[in-house]
Amino acid sequence: VVAPAPGESMAAAERRTKAAIPWSPIIANETWLQRTRADAAASLADGHCSGRGILSVQLPYQFYPKASDCVPSDRRYNLEECANQRTPKCRCFPGFTGPTCSVRMDKSPGLHKC
């Protein structure tokens, strides 16, 4: 989620971020920024995700199913992807994994490291 610098517009922040990391999906949306900040504060206050992630729903990246695709009668319907997108769970910070983000990827020999 893009966070504009003081005095910067969301559109300008999106352009700046996309130029810095062109391979990464970008969410430039004030509503999602507010939700992510609220979820992060609640996760920290409630002790969720080992302090290494945010308990939240999946961000609406362009390549994830849209709400209209998550209707069982639609041919694009994928129950697992649709449920994953809408179920709050720990979304780990880089370098951590596991259901509660308690596994350090650099200390676990069997995990893929990007």
Foldseek 3Di string as FASTA:
>chain_A
DFDDDVPDALVRSVVVVCVVPVVDFDDSDPVVVVVQVVQLVVCVVVVFLVNFFGFDAADPTPPQDDPVLCDVVHPSHDPVSVCRRHHGFTDGDPQFDDRSRPDGQVVDVVDDDD
